[in-house]
Amino acid sequence: MPETTSQPSSNPPSAAQPPASQPSATQPPIVRGHRKERVGEVISNTMAKTIIVRVERRFPHPKFKKVVTGYKKFYAHDEKGEAKVGDRVRIEETRPLSKTKHWRLVAIVEHSTGVTRVAA
C-alpha cells in the first residue's frame, strides 16, 4: 500500500479576499454594447407612448452614381410623451418592445417651430 503524504498547497485560500460573486463598491458599472443611434423627424405622435420617426439617408445610386435620398420610418418608445410632430429627435436601438417598436427616444435635438412648410 503506497503511503500518502500531505503536502502543503502553494497558494492557501485567503480569508481576507471576498468571494467573486459579491460585487464590490470599487467595480465600474456594467457597460452595455454599442447601440445604433439615428436622428430623424417626428411625423406622428398620436399613439400612447409611441412616436414615428422618419430618418433620412443620403447615398449614391449604385448604377447612376447620383445622390439619392432614402427615408425609413421607425417606431420609437416615448415614455413621457414629450416629442411633438416636427421635432428632430435622437433614437436608440433597444430590445423589442412590441411587434414593430424596437427603438426608444434618447433626446430631442431641436424643437419644431410650429410653422408648416408650404410647397412653392
PDB file of N, CA and C in Angstrom:
ATOM      1  N   MET A   1       0.819  -1.160   0.000  1.00  0.00           N
ATOM      2  CA  MET A   1       0.000   0.000   0.000  1.00  0.00           C
ATOM      3  C   MET A   1       0.878   1.244   0.000  1.00  0.00           C
ATOM      4  N   PRO A   2       0.665   2.161  -0.967  1.00  0.00           N
ATOM      5  CA  PRO A   2       1.521   3.333  -1.011  1.00  0.00           C
ATOM      6  C   PRO A   2       1.157   4.312   0.097  1.00  0.00           C
ATOM      7  N   GLU A   3       2.156   4.955   0.601  1.00  0.00           N
ATOM      8  CA  GLU A   3       1.927   5.940   1.650  1.00  0.00           C
ATOM      9  C   GLU A   3       1.580   7.285   1.027  1.00  0.00           C
ATOM     10  N   THR A   4       0.631   7.968   1.637  1.00  0.00           N
ATOM     11  CA  THR A   4       0.272   9.296   1.161  1.00  0.00           C
ATOM     12  C   THR A   4       0.783  10.315   2.147  1.00  0.00           C
ATOM     13  N   THR A   5       1.474  11.273   1.642  1.00  0.00           N
ATOM     14  CA  THR A   5       1.968  12.347   2.496  1.00  0.00           C
ATOM     15  C   THR A   5       1.227  13.609   2.114  1.00  0.00           C
ATOM     16  N   SER A   6       0.828  14.335   3.090  1.00  0.00           N
ATOM     17  CA  SER A   6       0.133  15.579   2.787  1.00  0.00           C
ATOM     18  C   SER A   6       1.149  16.683   2.595  1.00  0.00           C
ATOM     19  N   GLN A   7       1.089  17.297   1.430  1.00  0.00           N
ATOM     20  CA  GLN A   7       1.985  18.395   1.139  1.00  0.00           C
ATOM     21  C   GLN A   7       1.193  19.685   1.219  1.00  0.00           C
ATOM     22  N   PRO A   8       1.762  20.703   1.814  1.00  0.00           N
ATOM     23  CA  PRO A   8       1.026  21.968   1.877  1.00  0.00           C
ATOM     24  C   PRO A   8       0.883  22.556   0.478  1.00  0.00           C
ATOM     25  N   SER A   9      -0.300  23.119   0.204  1.00  0.00           N
ATOM     26  CA  SER A   9      -0.529  23.720  -1.113  1.00  0.00           C
ATOM     27  C   SER A   9       0.242  25.031  -1.207  1.00  0.00           C
ATOM     28  N   SER A  10       0.637  25.369  -2.430  1.00  0.00           N
ATOM     29  CA  SER A  10       1.455  26.554  -2.622  1.00  0.00           C
ATOM     30  C   SER A  10       0.659  27.844  -2.418  1.00  0.00           C
ATOM     31  N   ASN A  11      -0.650  27.827  -2.670  1.00  0.00           N
ATOM     32  CA  ASN A  11      -1.488  29.008  -2.506  1.00  0.00           C
ATOM     33  C   ASN A  11      -2.646  28.686  -1.568  1.00  0.00           C
ATOM     34  N   PRO A  12      -2.485  28.863  -0.276  1.00  0.00           N
ATOM     35  CA  PRO A  12      -3.602  28.592   0.623  1.00  0.00           C
ATOM     36  C   PRO A  12      -4.692  29.650   0.431  1.00  0.00           C
ATOM     37  N   PRO A  13      -5.969  29.270   0.606  1.00  0.00           N
ATOM     38  CA  PRO A  13      -7.036  30.260   0.439  1.00  0.00           C
ATOM     39  C   PRO A  13      -6.938  31.341   1.494  1.00  0.00           C
ATOM     40  N   SER A  14      -7.136  32.566   1.075  1.00  0.00           N
ATOM     41  CA  SER A  14      -7.029  33.700   1.976  1.00  0.00           C
ATOM     42  C   SER A  14      -8.419  34.106   2.445  1.00  0.00           C
ATOM     43  N   ALA A  15      -8.574  34.323   3.705  1.00  0.00           N
ATOM     44  CA  ALA A  15      -9.863  34.714   4.261  1.00  0.00           C
ATOM     45  C   ALA A  15     -10.122  36.204   4.059  1.00  0.00           C
ATOM     46  N   ALA A  16      -9.091  36.968   3.712  1.00  0.00           N
ATOM     47  CA  ALA A  16      -9.243  38.414   3.562  1.00  0.00           C
ATOM     48  C   ALA A  16      -9.909  38.791   2.237  1.00  0.00           C
ATOM     49  N   GLN A  17      -9.833  37.931   1.219  1.00  0.00           N
ATOM     50  CA  GLN A  17     -10.414  38.240  -0.086  1.00  0.00           C
ATOM     51  C   GLN A  17     -11.884  37.849  -0.105  1.00  0.00           C
ATOM     52  N   PRO A  18     -12.760  38.736  -0.567  1.00  0.00           N
ATOM     53  CA  PRO A  18     -14.181  38.379  -0.659  1.00  0.00           C
ATOM     54  C   PRO A  18     -14.407  37.435  -1.831  1.00  0.00           C
ATOM     55  N   PRO A  19     -15.454  36.640  -1.761  1.00  0.00           N
ATOM     56  CA  PRO A  19     -15.755  35.758  -2.888  1.00  0.00           C
ATOM     57  C   PRO A  19     -16.058  36.574  -4.147  1.00  0.00           C
ATOM     58  N   ALA A  20     -15.856  35.953  -5.302  1.00  0.00           N
ATOM     59  CA  ALA A  20     -16.017  36.652  -6.578  1.00  0.00           C
ATOM     60  C   ALA A  20     -17.474  36.981  -6.870  1.00  0.00           C
ATOM     61  N   SER A  21     -18.405  36.280  -6.234  1.00  0.00           N
ATOM     62  CA  SER A  21     -19.808  36.506  -6.532  1.00  0.00           C
ATOM     63  C   SER A  21     -20.347  37.803  -5.930  1.00  0.00           C
ATOM     64  N   GLN A  22     -19.695  38.353  -4.917  1.00  0.00           N
ATOM     65  CA  GLN A  22     -20.165  39.578  -4.297  1.00  0.00           C
ATOM     66  C   GLN A  22     -19.557  40.788  -5.007  1.00  0.00           C
ATOM     67  N   PRO A  23     -20.391  41.729  -5.479  1.00  0.00           N
ATOM     68  CA  PRO A  23     -19.831  42.919  -6.135  1.00  0.00           C
ATOM     69  C   PRO A  23     -19.241  43.863  -5.095  1.00  0.00           C
ATOM     70  N   SER A  24     -18.139  44.457  -5.446  1.00  0.00           N
ATOM     71  CA  SER A  24     -17.538  45.416  -4.528  1.00  0.00           C
ATOM     72  C   SER A  24     -17.918  46.827  -4.968  1.00  0.00           C
ATOM     73  N   ALA A  25     -17.746  47.771  -4.071  1.00  0.00           N
ATOM     74  CA  ALA A  25     -18.128  49.152  -4.363  1.00  0.00           C
ATOM     75  C   ALA A  25     -17.169  49.826  -5.332  1.00  0.00           C
ATOM     76  N   THR A  26     -15.985  49.251  -5.538  1.00  0.00           N
ATOM     77  CA  THR A  26     -14.997  49.876  -6.406  1.00  0.00           C
ATOM     78  C   THR A  26     -15.114  49.426  -7.857  1.00  0.00           C
ATOM     79  N   GLN A  27     -15.955  48.439  -8.157  1.00  0.00           N
ATOM     80  CA  GLN A  27     -16.090  47.963  -9.528  1.00  0.00           C
ATOM     81  C   GLN A  27     -16.838  48.993 -10.368  1.00  0.00           C
ATOM     82  N   PRO A  28     -16.411  49.197 -11.628  1.00  0.00           N
ATOM     83  CA  PRO A  28     -17.134  50.135 -12.502  1.00  0.00           C
ATOM     84  C   PRO A  28     -18.487  49.546 -12.883  1.00  0.00           C
ATOM     85  N   PRO A  29     -19.447  50.398 -13.261  1.00  0.00           N
ATOM     86  CA  PRO A  29     -20.758  49.884 -13.654  1.00  0.00           C
ATOM     87  C   PRO A  29     -20.656  49.063 -14.927  1.00  0.00           C
ATOM     88  N   ILE A  30     -21.625  48.191 -15.139  1.00  0.00           N
ATOM     89  CA  ILE A  30     -21.631  47.324 -16.314  1.00  0.00           C
ATOM     90  C   ILE A  30     -21.863  48.183 -17.554  1.00  0.00           C
ATOM     91  N   VAL A  31     -21.022  47.988 -18.564  1.00  0.00           N
ATOM     92  CA  VAL A  31     -21.100  48.769 -19.796  1.00  0.00           C
ATOM     93  C   VAL A  31     -21.845  47.949 -20.836  1.00  0.00           C
ATOM     94  N   ARG A  32     -22.874  48.551 -21.442  1.00  0.00           N
ATOM     95  CA  ARG A  32     -23.618  47.872 -22.488  1.00  0.00           C
ATOM     96  C   ARG A  32     -22.837  47.923 -23.788  1.00  0.00           C
ATOM     97  N   GLY A  33     -23.217  47.064 -24.706  1.00  0.00           N
ATOM     98  CA  GLY A  33     -22.605  47.072 -26.014  1.00  0.00           C
ATOM     99  C   GLY A  33     -23.026  48.293 -26.799  1.00  0.00           C
ATOM    100  N   HIS A  34     -22.386  48.514 -27.925  1.00  0.00           N
ATOM    101  CA  HIS A  34     -22.705  49.667 -28.776  1.00  0.00           C
ATOM    102  C   HIS A  34     -24.104  49.492 -29.350  1.00  0.00           C
ATOM    103  N   ARG A  35     -24.909  50.535 -29.264  1.00  0.00           N
ATOM    104  CA  ARG A  35     -26.264  50.509 -29.809  1.00  0.00           C
ATOM    105  C   ARG A  35     -26.386  51.522 -30.933  1.00  0.00           C
ATOM    106  N   LYS A  36     -27.132  51.166 -31.960  1.00  0.00           N
ATOM    107  CA  LYS A  36     -27.309  52.067 -33.097  1.00  0.00           C
ATOM    108  C   LYS A  36     -28.106  53.286 -32.673  1.00  0.00           C
ATOM    109  N   GLU A  37     -27.736  54.421 -33.208  1.00  0.00           N
ATOM    110  CA  GLU A  37     -28.460  55.665 -32.959  1.00  0.00           C
ATOM    111  C   GLU A  37     -28.799  56.303 -34.295  1.00  0.00           C
ATOM    112  N   ARG A  38     -29.951  56.918 -34.360  1.00  0.00           N
ATOM    113  CA  ARG A  38     -30.390  57.625 -35.563  1.00  0.00           C
ATOM    114  C   ARG A  38     -30.984  58.971 -35.153  1.00  0.00           C
ATOM    115  N   VAL A  39     -30.903  59.941 -36.051  1.00  0.00           N
ATOM    116  CA  VAL A  39     -31.516  61.248 -35.839  1.00  0.00           C
ATOM    117  C   VAL A  39     -32.533  61.441 -36.950  1.00  0.00           C
ATOM    118  N   GLY A  40     -33.758  61.813 -36.567  1.00  0.00           N
ATOM    119  CA  GLY A  40     -34.799  61.982 -37.563  1.00  0.00           C
ATOM    120  C   GLY A  40     -35.873  62.932 -37.083  1.00  0.00           C
ATOM    121  N   GLU A  41     -36.913  63.053 -37.894  1.00  0.00           N
ATOM    122  CA  GLU A  41     -38.005  63.983 -37.633  1.00  0.00           C
ATOM    123  C   GLU A  41     -39.250  63.204 -37.213  1.00  0.00           C
ATOM    124  N   VAL A  42     -39.920  63.677 -36.174  1.00  0.00           N
ATOM    125  CA  VAL A  42     -41.150  63.042 -35.711  1.00  0.00           C
ATOM    126  C   VAL A  42     -42.262  63.370 -36.700  1.00  0.00           C
ATOM    127  N   ILE A  43     -42.912  62.343 -37.232  1.00  0.00           N
ATOM    128  CA  ILE A  43     -44.000  62.575 -38.182  1.00  0.00           C
ATOM    129  C   ILE A  43     -45.356  62.223 -37.574  1.00  0.00           C
ATOM    130  N   SER A  44     -45.355  61.530 -36.420  1.00  0.00           N
ATOM    131  CA  SER A  44     -46.618  61.212 -35.761  1.00  0.00           C
ATOM    132  C   SER A  44     -46.377  60.954 -34.282  1.00  0.00           C
ATOM    133  N   ASN A  45     -47.313  61.439 -33.451  1.00  0.00           N
ATOM    134  CA  ASN A  45     -47.259  61.147 -32.021  1.00  0.00           C
ATOM    135  C   ASN A  45     -48.655  60.857 -31.486  1.00  0.00           C
ATOM    136  N   THR A  46     -49.528  60.322 -32.341  1.00  0.00           N
ATOM    137  CA  THR A  46     -50.911  60.085 -31.943  1.00  0.00           C
ATOM    138  C   THR A  46     -51.081  58.873 -31.037  1.00  0.00           C
ATOM    139  N   MET A  47     -50.155  57.941 -31.054  1.00  0.00           N
ATOM    140  CA  MET A  47     -50.252  56.758 -30.205  1.00  0.00           C
ATOM    141  C   MET A  47     -49.757  57.059 -28.796  1.00  0.00           C
ATOM    142  N   ALA A  48     -50.201  56.272 -27.839  1.00  0.00           N
ATOM    143  CA  ALA A  48     -49.777  56.454 -26.455  1.00  0.00           C
ATOM    144  C   ALA A  48     -48.358  55.926 -26.284  1.00  0.00           C
ATOM    145  N   LYS A  49     -47.432  56.777 -25.858  1.00  0.00           N
ATOM    146  CA  LYS A  49     -46.032  56.438 -25.577  1.00  0.00           C
ATOM    147  C   LYS A  49     -45.272  55.936 -26.803  1.00  0.00           C
ATOM    148  N   THR A  50     -45.752  56.239 -27.996  1.00  0.00           N
ATOM    149  CA  THR A  50     -45.077  55.816 -29.223  1.00  0.00           C
ATOM    150  C   THR A  50     -45.034  56.980 -30.195  1.00  0.00           C
ATOM    151  N   ILE A  51     -43.881  57.169 -30.819  1.00  0.00           N
ATOM    152  CA  ILE A  51     -43.742  58.169 -31.872  1.00  0.00           C
ATOM    153  C   ILE A  51     -43.228  57.476 -33.123  1.00  0.00           C
ATOM    154  N   ILE A  52     -43.532  58.050 -34.267  1.00  0.00           N
ATOM    155  CA  ILE A  52     -42.992  57.554 -35.529  1.00  0.00           C
ATOM    156  C   ILE A  52     -41.983  58.575 -36.006  1.00  0.00           C
ATOM    157  N   VAL A  53     -40.755  58.101 -36.253  1.00  0.00           N
ATOM    158  CA  VAL A  53     -39.649  58.979 -36.633  1.00  0.00           C
ATOM    159  C   VAL A  53     -39.225  58.627 -38.050  1.00  0.00           C
ATOM    160  N   ARG A  54     -39.138  59.661 -38.920  1.00  0.00           N
ATOM    161  CA  ARG A  54     -38.658  59.463 -40.283  1.00  0.00           C
ATOM    162  C   ARG A  54     -37.184  59.835 -40.337  1.00  0.00           C
ATOM    163  N   VAL A  55     -36.358  58.861 -40.724  1.00  0.00           N
ATOM    164  CA  VAL A  55     -34.914  59.068 -40.790  1.00  0.00           C
ATOM    165  C   VAL A  55     -34.507  59.171 -42.252  1.00  0.00           C
ATOM    166  N   GLU A  56     -33.734  60.216 -42.554  1.00  0.00           N
ATOM    167  CA  GLU A  56     -33.268  60.466 -43.916  1.00  0.00           C
ATOM    168  C   GLU A  56     -31.889  59.842 -44.103  1.00  0.00           C
ATOM    169  N   ARG A  57     -31.685  59.201 -45.272  1.00  0.00           N
ATOM    170  CA  ARG A  57     -30.396  58.601 -45.584  1.00  0.00           C
ATOM    171  C   ARG A  57     -30.021  58.997 -47.003  1.00  0.00           C
ATOM    172  N   ARG A  58     -28.860  59.611 -47.146  1.00  0.00           N
ATOM    173  CA  ARG A  58     -28.404  60.048 -48.478  1.00  0.00           C
ATOM    174  C   ARG A  58     -27.259  59.145 -48.920  1.00  0.00           C
ATOM    175  N   PHE A  59     -27.351  58.650 -50.153  1.00  0.00           N
ATOM    176  CA  PHE A  59     -26.346  57.713 -50.660  1.00  0.00           C
ATOM    177  C   PHE A  59     -26.295  57.797 -52.180  1.00  0.00           C
ATOM    178  N   PRO A  60     -25.155  57.467 -52.770  1.00  0.00           N
ATOM    179  CA  PRO A  60     -25.081  57.468 -54.235  1.00  0.00           C
ATOM    180  C   PRO A  60     -25.804  56.251 -54.821  1.00  0.00           C
ATOM    181  N   HIS A  61     -26.531  56.473 -55.891  1.00  0.00           N
ATOM    182  CA  HIS A  61     -27.236  55.387 -56.560  1.00  0.00           C
ATOM    183  C   HIS A  61     -26.202  54.383 -57.070  1.00  0.00           C
ATOM    184  N   PRO A  62     -26.453  53.082 -56.872  1.00  0.00           N
ATOM    185  CA  PRO A  62     -25.435  52.085 -57.249  1.00  0.00           C
ATOM    186  C   PRO A  62     -25.056  52.108 -58.729  1.00  0.00           C
ATOM    187  N   LYS A  63     -26.023  52.394 -59.598  1.00  0.00           N
ATOM    188  CA  LYS A  63     -25.743  52.368 -61.035  1.00  0.00           C
ATOM    189  C   LYS A  63     -25.445  53.748 -61.593  1.00  0.00           C
ATOM    190  N   PHE A  64     -26.257  54.737 -61.249  1.00  0.00           N
ATOM    191  CA  PHE A  64     -26.151  56.054 -61.873  1.00  0.00           C
ATOM    192  C   PHE A  64     -25.285  57.040 -61.100  1.00  0.00           C
ATOM    193  N   LYS A  65     -24.888  56.688 -59.874  1.00  0.00           N
ATOM    194  CA  LYS A  65     -23.974  57.491 -59.044  1.00  0.00           C
ATOM    195  C   LYS A  65     -24.538  58.852 -58.633  1.00  0.00           C
ATOM    196  N   LYS A  66     -25.797  59.103 -58.919  1.00  0.00           N
ATOM    197  CA  LYS A  66     -26.417  60.343 -58.457  1.00  0.00           C
ATOM    198  C   LYS A  66     -26.814  60.171 -56.989  1.00  0.00           C
ATOM    199  N   VAL A  67     -26.690  61.241 -56.210  1.00  0.00           N
ATOM    200  CA  VAL A  67     -27.033  61.161 -54.803  1.00  0.00           C
ATOM    201  C   VAL A  67     -28.547  61.077 -54.654  1.00  0.00           C
ATOM    202  N   VAL A  68     -28.994  60.042 -53.959  1.00  0.00           N
ATOM    203  CA  VAL A  68     -30.410  59.774 -53.773  1.00  0.00           C
ATOM    204  C   VAL A  68     -30.726  59.882 -52.288  1.00  0.00           C
ATOM    205  N   THR A  69     -31.914  60.352 -51.965  1.00  0.00           N
ATOM    206  CA  THR A  69     -32.355  60.431 -50.581  1.00  0.00           C
ATOM    207  C   THR A  69     -33.373  59.335 -50.326  1.00  0.00           C
ATOM    208  N   GLY A  70     -33.074  58.498 -49.330  1.00  0.00           N
ATOM    209  CA  GLY A  70     -34.000  57.437 -48.932  1.00  0.00           C
ATOM    210  C   GLY A  70     -34.536  57.737 -47.544  1.00  0.00           C
ATOM    211  N   TYR A  71     -35.769  57.334 -47.285  1.00  0.00           N
ATOM    212  CA  TYR A  71     -36.390  57.570 -45.990  1.00  0.00           C
ATOM    213  C   TYR A  71     -36.837  56.238 -45.402  1.00  0.00           C
ATOM    214  N   LYS A  72     -36.788  56.162 -44.067  1.00  0.00           N
ATOM    215  CA  LYS A  72     -37.280  54.978 -43.378  1.00  0.00           C
ATOM    216  C   LYS A  72     -37.990  55.429 -42.114  1.00  0.00           C
ATOM    217  N   LYS A  73     -39.099  54.762 -41.794  1.00  0.00           N
ATOM    218  CA  LYS A  73     -39.855  55.091 -40.591  1.00  0.00           C
ATOM    219  C   LYS A  73     -39.490  54.116 -39.475  1.00  0.00           C
ATOM    220  N   PHE A  74     -39.300  54.651 -38.289  1.00  0.00           N
ATOM    221  CA  PHE A  74     -39.028  53.846 -37.112  1.00  0.00           C
ATOM    222  C   PHE A  74     -40.064  54.172 -36.041  1.00  0.00           C
ATOM    223  N   TYR A  75     -40.579  53.150 -35.394  1.00  0.00           N
ATOM    224  CA  TYR A  75     -41.472  53.332 -34.254  1.00  0.00           C
ATOM    225  C   TYR A  75     -40.599  53.354 -33.005  1.00  0.00           C
ATOM    226  N   ALA A  76     -40.725  54.405 -32.202  1.00  0.00           N
ATOM    227  CA  ALA A  76     -39.874  54.585 -31.029  1.00  0.00           C
ATOM    228  C   ALA A  76     -40.721  54.793 -29.782  1.00  0.00           C
ATOM    229  N   HIS A  77     -40.204  54.329 -28.649  1.00  0.00           N
ATOM    230  CA  HIS A  77     -40.886  54.458 -27.364  1.00  0.00           C
ATOM    231  C   HIS A  77     -40.577  55.822 -26.761  1.00  0.00           C
ATOM    232  N   ASP A  78     -41.630  56.572 -26.444  1.00  0.00           N
ATOM    233  CA  ASP A  78     -41.507  57.891 -25.816  1.00  0.00           C
ATOM    234  C   ASP A  78     -42.265  57.820 -24.492  1.00  0.00           C
ATOM    235  N   GLU A  79     -41.559  57.487 -23.426  1.00  0.00           N
ATOM    236  CA  GLU A  79     -42.183  57.227 -22.121  1.00  0.00           C
ATOM    237  C   GLU A  79     -42.962  58.431 -21.599  1.00  0.00           C
ATOM    238  N   LYS A  80     -42.393  59.630 -21.715  1.00  0.00           N
ATOM    239  CA  LYS A  80     -43.018  60.816 -21.139  1.00  0.00           C
ATOM    240  C   LYS A  80     -43.948  61.538 -22.110  1.00  0.00           C
ATOM    241  N   GLY A  81     -43.944  61.163 -23.362  1.00  0.00           N
ATOM    242  CA  GLY A  81     -44.793  61.820 -24.349  1.00  0.00           C
ATOM    243  C   GLY A  81     -44.373  63.244 -24.635  1.00  0.00           C
ATOM    244  N   GLU A  82     -43.070  63.502 -24.638  1.00  0.00           N
ATOM    245  CA  GLU A  82     -42.574  64.872 -24.783  1.00  0.00           C
ATOM    246  C   GLU A  82     -42.294  65.289 -26.221  1.00  0.00           C
ATOM    247  N   ALA A  83     -42.149  64.345 -27.142  1.00  0.00           N
ATOM    248  CA  ALA A  83     -41.840  64.688 -28.532  1.00  0.00           C
ATOM    249  C   ALA A  83     -43.105  65.088 -29.277  1.00  0.00           C
ATOM    250  N   LYS A  84     -42.997  66.137 -30.066  1.00  0.00           N
ATOM    251  CA  LYS A  84     -44.122  66.640 -30.858  1.00  0.00           C
ATOM    252  C   LYS A  84     -43.807  66.495 -32.347  1.00  0.00           C
ATOM    253  N   VAL A  85     -44.826  66.587 -33.168  1.00  0.00           N
ATOM    254  CA  VAL A  85     -44.649  66.472 -34.616  1.00  0.00           C
ATOM    255  C   VAL A  85     -43.752  67.611 -35.096  1.00  0.00           C
ATOM    256  N   GLY A  86     -42.762  67.261 -35.900  1.00  0.00           N
ATOM    257  CA  GLY A  86     -41.828  68.258 -36.430  1.00  0.00           C
ATOM    258  C   GLY A  86     -40.530  68.344 -35.661  1.00  0.00           C
ATOM    259  N   ASP A  87     -40.458  67.798 -34.446  1.00  0.00           N
ATOM    260  CA  ASP A  87     -39.217  67.828 -33.668  1.00  0.00           C
ATOM    261  C   ASP A  87     -38.165  66.926 -34.294  1.00  0.00           C
ATOM    262  N   ARG A  88     -36.905  67.348 -34.182  1.00  0.00           N
ATOM    263  CA  ARG A  88     -35.794  66.466 -34.563  1.00  0.00           C
ATOM    264  C   ARG A  88     -35.364  65.746 -33.303  1.00  0.00           C
ATOM    265  N   VAL A  89     -35.312  64.413 -33.366  1.00  0.00           N
ATOM    266  CA  VAL A  89     -35.028  63.613 -32.175  1.00  0.00           C
ATOM    267  C   VAL A  89     -33.917  62.609 -32.449  1.00  0.00           C
ATOM    268  N   ARG A  90     -33.281  62.171 -31.365  1.00  0.00           N
ATOM    269  CA  ARG A  90     -32.283  61.100 -31.439  1.00  0.00           C
ATOM    270  C   ARG A  90     -32.922  59.862 -30.828  1.00  0.00           C
ATOM    271  N   ILE A  91     -32.897  58.743 -31.571  1.00  0.00           N
ATOM    272  CA  ILE A  91     -33.445  57.491 -31.075  1.00  0.00           C
ATOM    273  C   ILE A  91     -32.333  56.455 -31.000  1.00  0.00           C
ATOM    274  N   GLU A  92     -32.536  55.462 -30.135  1.00  0.00           N
ATOM    275  CA  GLU A  92     -31.517  54.442 -29.895  1.00  0.00           C
ATOM    276  C   GLU A  92     -32.174  53.072 -29.979  1.00  0.00           C
ATOM    277  N   GLU A  93     -31.446  52.128 -30.539  1.00  0.00           N
ATOM    278  CA  GLU A  93     -31.939  50.769 -30.668  1.00  0.00           C
ATOM    279  C   GLU A  93     -32.075  50.133 -29.285  1.00  0.00           C
ATOM    280  N   THR A  94     -33.106  49.319 -29.099  1.00  0.00           N
ATOM    281  CA  THR A  94     -33.329  48.652 -27.827  1.00  0.00           C
ATOM    282  C   THR A  94     -33.953  47.284 -28.076  1.00  0.00           C
ATOM    283  N   ARG A  95     -34.245  46.578 -27.006  1.00  0.00           N
ATOM    284  CA  ARG A  95     -34.883  45.266 -27.156  1.00  0.00           C
ATOM    285  C   ARG A  95     -36.281  45.456 -27.745  1.00  0.00           C
ATOM    286  N   PRO A  96     -36.857  44.429 -28.354  1.00  0.00           N
ATOM    287  CA  PRO A  96     -38.203  44.580 -28.902  1.00  0.00           C
ATOM    288  C   PRO A  96     -39.216  44.911 -27.803  1.00  0.00           C
ATOM    289  N   LEU A  97     -39.929  46.018 -27.986  1.00  0.00           N
ATOM    290  CA  LEU A  97     -40.948  46.434 -27.020  1.00  0.00           C
ATOM    291  C   LEU A  97     -42.345  46.028 -27.478  1.00  0.00           C
ATOM    292  N   SER A  98     -42.514  45.820 -28.771  1.00  0.00           N
ATOM    293  CA  SER A  98     -43.777  45.347 -29.331  1.00  0.00           C
ATOM    294  C   SER A  98     -43.455  44.740 -30.702  1.00  0.00           C
ATOM    295  N   LYS A  99     -44.479  44.462 -31.469  1.00  0.00           N
ATOM    296  CA  LYS A  99     -44.278  43.862 -32.790  1.00  0.00           C
ATOM    297  C   LYS A  99     -43.445  44.756 -33.704  1.00  0.00           C
ATOM    298  N   THR A 100     -43.675  46.067 -33.636  1.00  0.00           N
ATOM    299  CA  THR A 100     -42.991  46.987 -34.544  1.00  0.00           C
ATOM    300  C   THR A 100     -42.032  47.935 -33.847  1.00  0.00           C
ATOM    301  N   LYS A 101     -42.053  48.004 -32.521  1.00  0.00           N
ATOM    302  CA  LYS A 101     -41.285  49.024 -31.794  1.00  0.00           C
ATOM    303  C   LYS A 101     -39.995  48.431 -31.233  1.00  0.00           C
ATOM    304  N   HIS A 102     -38.843  48.872 -31.803  1.00  0.00           N
ATOM    305  CA  HIS A 102     -37.534  48.381 -31.386  1.00  0.00           C
ATOM    306  C   HIS A 102     -36.571  49.525 -31.083  1.00  0.00           C
ATOM    307  N   TRP A 103     -37.082  50.730 -30.937  1.00  0.00           N
ATOM    308  CA  TRP A 103     -36.257  51.915 -30.696  1.00  0.00           C
ATOM    309  C   TRP A 103     -36.840  52.698 -29.532  1.00  0.00           C
ATOM    310  N   ARG A 104     -36.014  53.536 -28.900  1.00  0.00           N
ATOM    311  CA  ARG A 104     -36.510  54.389 -27.828  1.00  0.00           C
ATOM    312  C   ARG A 104     -35.945  55.790 -27.995  1.00  0.00           C
ATOM    313  N   LEU A 105     -36.702  56.765 -27.512  1.00  0.00           N
ATOM    314  CA  LEU A 105     -36.303  58.166 -27.599  1.00  0.00           C
ATOM    315  C   LEU A 105     -35.178  58.444 -26.611  1.00  0.00           C
ATOM    316  N   VAL A 106     -34.084  59.038 -27.096  1.00  0.00           N
ATOM    317  CA  VAL A 106     -32.961  59.398 -26.231  1.00  0.00           C
ATOM    318  C   VAL A 106     -33.042  60.877 -25.867  1.00  0.00           C
ATOM    319  N   ALA A 107     -33.187  61.731 -26.889  1.00  0.00           N
ATOM    320  CA  ALA A 107     -33.210  63.170 -26.641  1.00  0.00           C
ATOM    321  C   ALA A 107     -33.902  63.885 -27.784  1.00  0.00           C
ATOM    322  N   ILE A 108     -34.413  65.064 -27.471  1.00  0.00           N
ATOM    323  CA  ILE A 108     -34.955  65.939 -28.505  1.00  0.00           C
ATOM    324  C   ILE A 108     -33.834  66.883 -28.900  1.00  0.00           C
ATOM    325  N   VAL A 109     -33.394  66.787 -30.151  1.00  0.00           N
ATOM    326  CA  VAL A 109     -32.275  67.582 -30.642  1.00  0.00           C
ATOM    327  C   VAL A 109     -32.717  69.021 -30.901  1.00  0.00           C
ATOM    328  N   GLU A 110     -33.882  69.168 -31.537  1.00  0.00           N
ATOM    329  CA  GLU A 110     -34.371  70.501 -31.920  1.00  0.00           C
ATOM    330  C   GLU A 110     -35.896  70.491 -31.879  1.00  0.00           C
ATOM    331  N   HIS A 111     -36.491  71.456 -31.219  1.00  0.00           N
ATOM    332  CA  HIS A 111     -37.949  71.566 -31.169  1.00  0.00           C
ATOM    333  C   HIS A 111     -38.447  72.206 -32.456  1.00  0.00           C
ATOM    334  N   SER A 112     -39.660  71.801 -32.859  1.00  0.00           N
ATOM    335  CA  SER A 112     -40.234  72.365 -34.083  1.00  0.00           C
ATOM    336  C   SER A 112     -40.730  73.785 -33.827  1.00  0.00           C
ATOM    337  N   THR A 113     -40.794  74.564 -34.866  1.00  0.00           N
ATOM    338  CA  THR A 113     -41.236  75.957 -34.748  1.00  0.00           C
ATOM    339  C   THR A 113     -42.745  76.055 -34.768  1.00  0.00           C
ATOM    340  N   GLY A 114     -43.416  74.979 -35.162  1.00  0.00           N
ATOM    341  CA  GLY A 114     -44.876  75.003 -35.220  1.00  0.00           C
ATOM    342  C   GLY A 114     -45.406  75.528 -36.532  1.00  0.00           C
ATOM    343  N   VAL A 115     -44.531  75.985 -37.412  1.00  0.00           N
ATOM    344  CA  VAL A 115     -44.927  76.510 -38.715  1.00  0.00           C
ATOM    345  C   VAL A 115     -44.779  75.391 -39.734  1.00  0.00           C
ATOM    346  N   THR A 116     -45.845  75.124 -40.481  1.00  0.00           N
ATOM    347  CA  THR A 116     -45.768  74.090 -41.510  1.00  0.00           C
ATOM    348  C   THR A 116     -45.252  74.679 -42.801  1.00  0.00           C
ATOM    349  N   ARG A 117     -44.410  73.916 -43.471  1.00  0.00           N
ATOM    350  CA  ARG A 117     -43.850  74.393 -44.736  1.00  0.00           C
ATOM    351  C   ARG A 117     -44.865  74.234 -45.854  1.00  0.00           C
ATOM    352  N   VAL A 118     -44.897  75.194 -46.751  1.00  0.00           N
ATOM    353  CA  VAL A 118     -45.802  75.160 -47.887  1.00  0.00           C
ATOM    354  C   VAL A 118     -44.956  74.955 -49.148  1.00  0.00           C
ATOM    355  N   ALA A 119     -45.361  74.018 -49.980  1.00  0.00           N
ATOM    356  CA  ALA A 119     -44.624  73.764 -51.229  1.00  0.00           C
ATOM    357  C   ALA A 119     -44.790  74.950 -52.149  1.00  0.00           C
ATOM    358  N   ALA A 120     -43.697  75.396 -52.753  1.00  0.00           N
ATOM    359  CA  ALA A 120     -43.746  76.558 -53.638  1.00  0.00           C
ATOM    360  C   ALA A 120     -44.063  76.170 -55.055  1.00  0.00           C
TER     361      ALA A 120
END
